[in-house]
Amino acid sequence: MIRALFICSQNKLRSPTAERVFASWLGVETDSAGLLNDATIPLSAEQLEWATMIFVMEKTHWTKLRKKFSASLKHKRIICLDIPDEYDFMDPALVKLLESKVARFLQRT
């Protein structure tokens, strides 16, 4: 079972879209969070512990994640998707972009 955690800034648009899109994939469990303190769901060390694979939307998220949670990231695979904050929640273009960038990391069965 792959436990995929999707991270953006506010957890309002990109990461919850990714959580929803991949939640229906067999063999994949999903969760999402934001790195900012006022995020809808602020990222926790428990979420990082749970995850087997971590996806961040931008390089700045990767940097903030490393600074804030370095102790929780040992032996964790972190993938930067390079998806800018210019999409609405469940925007079809965002869904297509996520599927094209994430699919190779998740085994769809």
C-alpha atoms as a PDB file:
ATOM      1  CA  MET A   1       0.000   0.000   0.000  1.00  0.00           C
ATOM      2  CA  ILE A   2       1.312   3.424  -0.975  1.00  0.00           C
ATOM      3  CA  ARG A   3       0.439   6.229   1.444  1.00  0.00           C
ATOM      4  CA  ALA A   4       0.746   9.443  -0.582  1.00  0.00           C
ATOM      5  CA  LEU A   5       0.844  12.807   1.173  1.00  0.00           C
ATOM      6  CA  PHE A   6       0.304  15.930  -0.955  1.00  0.00           C
ATOM      7  CA  ILE A   7       1.554  19.263   0.359  1.00  0.00           C
ATOM      8  CA  CYS A   8       1.028  22.861  -0.767  1.00  0.00           C
ATOM      9  CA  SER A   9       0.834  26.172   1.093  1.00  0.00           C
ATOM     10  CA  GLN A  10      -2.782  26.575   2.215  1.00  0.00           C
ATOM     11  CA  ASN A  11      -4.255  23.091   1.589  1.00  0.00           C
ATOM     12  CA  LYS A  12      -7.176  24.677  -0.252  1.00  0.00           C
ATOM     13  CA  LEU A  13      -6.643  23.999  -3.968  1.00  0.00           C
ATOM     14  CA  ARG A  14      -3.740  21.898  -5.247  1.00  0.00           C
ATOM     15  CA  SER A  15      -3.061  19.385  -2.482  1.00  0.00           C
ATOM     16  CA  PRO A  16      -6.733  18.619  -1.714  1.00  0.00           C
ATOM     17  CA  THR A  17      -7.322  18.158  -5.451  1.00  0.00           C
ATOM     18  CA  ALA A  18      -4.466  15.653  -5.586  1.00  0.00           C
ATOM     19  CA  GLU A  19      -5.766  13.903  -2.470  1.00  0.00           C
ATOM     20  CA  ARG A  20      -9.176  13.465  -4.062  1.00  0.00           C
ATOM     21  CA  VAL A  21      -7.896  12.440  -7.516  1.00  0.00           C
ATOM     22  CA  PHE A  22      -5.652   9.654  -6.241  1.00  0.00           C
ATOM     23  CA  ALA A  23      -7.883   8.475  -3.372  1.00  0.00           C
ATOM     24  CA  SER A  24      -9.781   6.261  -5.803  1.00  0.00           C
ATOM     25  CA  TRP A  25      -6.660   4.461  -7.040  1.00  0.00           C
ATOM     26  CA  LEU A  26      -6.340   0.895  -5.811  1.00  0.00           C
ATOM     27  CA  GLY A  27      -3.362   0.360  -3.542  1.00  0.00           C
ATOM     28  CA  VAL A  28      -3.105   4.058  -2.723  1.00  0.00           C
ATOM     29  CA  GLU A  29      -4.186   5.929   0.401  1.00  0.00           C
ATOM     30  CA  THR A  30      -4.022   9.713   0.306  1.00  0.00           C
ATOM     31  CA  ASP A  31      -3.842  12.696   2.616  1.00  0.00           C
ATOM     32  CA  SER A  32      -3.044  16.377   2.160  1.00  0.00           C
ATOM     33  CA  ALA A  33      -1.874  19.334   4.201  1.00  0.00           C
ATOM     34  CA  GLY A  34      -0.515  22.856   3.973  1.00  0.00           C
ATOM     35  CA  LEU A  35       2.776  24.239   5.199  1.00  0.00           C
ATOM     36  CA  LEU A  36       1.432  27.563   6.439  1.00  0.00           C
ATOM     37  CA  ASN A  37       0.127  27.876   9.998  1.00  0.00           C
ATOM     38  CA  ASP A  38      -3.259  29.095   8.735  1.00  0.00           C
ATOM     39  CA  ALA A  39      -3.669  26.233   6.240  1.00  0.00           C
ATOM     40  CA  THR A  40      -6.997  24.404   6.191  1.00  0.00           C
ATOM     41  CA  ILE A  41      -5.106  21.375   7.522  1.00  0.00           C
ATOM     42  CA  PRO A  42      -1.631  22.368   8.754  1.00  0.00           C
ATOM     43  CA  LEU A  43       1.026  19.714   8.164  1.00  0.00           C
ATOM     44  CA  SER A  44       1.866  17.560  11.183  1.00  0.00           C
ATOM     45  CA  ALA A  45       4.743  15.247  12.040  1.00  0.00           C
ATOM     46  CA  GLU A  46       2.177  12.439  12.327  1.00  0.00           C
ATOM     47  CA  GLN A  47       1.189  12.872   8.686  1.00  0.00           C
ATOM     48  CA  LEU A  48       4.827  12.684   7.647  1.00  0.00           C
ATOM     49  CA  GLU A  49       5.311   9.548   9.722  1.00  0.00           C
ATOM     50  CA  TRP A  50       2.240   7.979   8.068  1.00  0.00           C
ATOM     51  CA  ALA A  51       3.341   8.779   4.495  1.00  0.00           C
ATOM     52  CA  THR A  52       5.420   6.440   2.366  1.00  0.00           C
ATOM     53  CA  MET A  53       5.677   9.025  -0.414  1.00  0.00           C
ATOM     54  CA  ILE A  54       5.500  12.824  -0.115  1.00  0.00           C
ATOM     55  CA  PHE A  55       4.603  15.164  -2.975  1.00  0.00           C
ATOM     56  CA  VAL A  56       5.166  18.915  -2.768  1.00  0.00           C
ATOM     57  CA  MET A  57       3.766  21.302  -5.347  1.00  0.00           C
ATOM     58  CA  GLU A  58       6.717  23.731  -5.554  1.00  0.00           C
ATOM     59  CA  LYS A  59      10.431  23.855  -4.734  1.00  0.00           C
ATOM     60  CA  THR A  60       9.717  26.425  -2.016  1.00  0.00           C
ATOM     61  CA  HIS A  61       7.515  23.821  -0.294  1.00  0.00           C
ATOM     62  CA  TRP A  62      10.383  21.327  -0.398  1.00  0.00           C
ATOM     63  CA  THR A  63      12.693  23.889   1.234  1.00  0.00           C
ATOM     64  CA  LYS A  64      10.167  24.828   3.955  1.00  0.00           C
ATOM     65  CA  LEU A  65       9.403  21.173   4.608  1.00  0.00           C
ATOM     66  CA  ARG A  66      13.102  20.379   5.117  1.00  0.00           C
ATOM     67  CA  LYS A  67      13.571  23.353   7.459  1.00  0.00           C
ATOM     68  CA  LYS A  68      10.479  22.774   9.574  1.00  0.00           C
ATOM     69  CA  PHE A  69      10.324  18.961   9.707  1.00  0.00           C
ATOM     70  CA  SER A  70      13.843  17.663   9.020  1.00  0.00           C
ATOM     71  CA  ALA A  71      13.686  15.144  11.885  1.00  0.00           C
ATOM     72  CA  SER A  72      10.497  13.598  10.459  1.00  0.00           C
ATOM     73  CA  LEU A  73      11.871  13.177   6.941  1.00  0.00           C
ATOM     74  CA  LYS A  74      14.537  10.536   7.422  1.00  0.00           C
ATOM     75  CA  HIS A  75      14.269   7.888   4.703  1.00  0.00           C
ATOM     76  CA  LYS A  76      11.231   9.602   3.133  1.00  0.00           C
ATOM     77  CA  ARG A  77      10.914  10.064  -0.605  1.00  0.00           C
ATOM     78  CA  ILE A  78       9.948  13.649  -1.475  1.00  0.00           C
ATOM     79  CA  ILE A  79       8.908  14.513  -5.007  1.00  0.00           C
ATOM     80  CA  CYS A  80       8.510  18.076  -6.255  1.00  0.00           C
ATOM     81  CA  LEU A  81       5.786  18.344  -8.897  1.00  0.00           C
ATOM     82  CA  ASP A  82       6.545  21.940  -9.976  1.00  0.00           C
ATOM     83  CA  ILE A  83       2.868  22.897 -10.134  1.00  0.00           C
ATOM     84  CA  PRO A  84       2.303  26.640  -9.637  1.00  0.00           C
ATOM     85  CA  ASP A  85      -0.535  28.089  -7.578  1.00  0.00           C
ATOM     86  CA  GLU A  86      -2.736  29.085 -10.518  1.00  0.00           C
ATOM     87  CA  TYR A  87      -5.515  26.505 -10.471  1.00  0.00           C
ATOM     88  CA  ASP A  88      -8.880  26.188  -8.746  1.00  0.00           C
ATOM     89  CA  PHE A  89      -9.924  23.155  -6.711  1.00  0.00           C
ATOM     90  CA  MET A  90     -10.602  20.212  -9.079  1.00  0.00           C
ATOM     91  CA  ASP A  91      -9.769  22.354 -12.127  1.00  0.00           C
ATOM     92  CA  PRO A  92      -9.707  19.884 -15.058  1.00  0.00           C
ATOM     93  CA  ALA A  93      -6.328  21.257 -16.181  1.00  0.00           C
ATOM     94  CA  LEU A  94      -4.922  20.688 -12.680  1.00  0.00           C
ATOM     95  CA  VAL A  95      -6.326  17.158 -12.567  1.00  0.00           C
ATOM     96  CA  LYS A  96      -4.734  16.351 -15.934  1.00  0.00           C
ATOM     97  CA  LEU A  97      -1.405  17.856 -14.841  1.00  0.00           C
ATOM     98  CA  LEU A  98      -1.426  15.933 -11.562  1.00  0.00           C
ATOM     99  CA  GLU A  99      -2.221  12.666 -13.323  1.00  0.00           C
ATOM    100  CA  SER A 100       0.600  13.190 -15.815  1.00  0.00           C
ATOM    101  CA  LYS A 101       3.168  14.031 -13.114  1.00  0.00           C
ATOM    102  CA  VAL A 102       2.155  11.648 -10.313  1.00  0.00           C
ATOM    103  CA  ALA A 103       1.045   8.504 -12.169  1.00  0.00           C
ATOM    104  CA  ARG A 104       4.576   7.245 -12.764  1.00  0.00           C
ATOM    105  CA  PHE A 105       5.228   7.232  -9.011  1.00  0.00           C
ATOM    106  CA  LEU A 106       2.039   5.391  -8.042  1.00  0.00           C
ATOM    107  CA  GLN A 107       1.211   1.904  -9.253  1.00  0.00           C
ATOM    108  CA  ARG A 108      -2.360   1.872 -10.506  1.00  0.00           C
ATOM    109  CA  THR A 109      -3.770  -1.624 -10.324  1.00  0.00           C
END
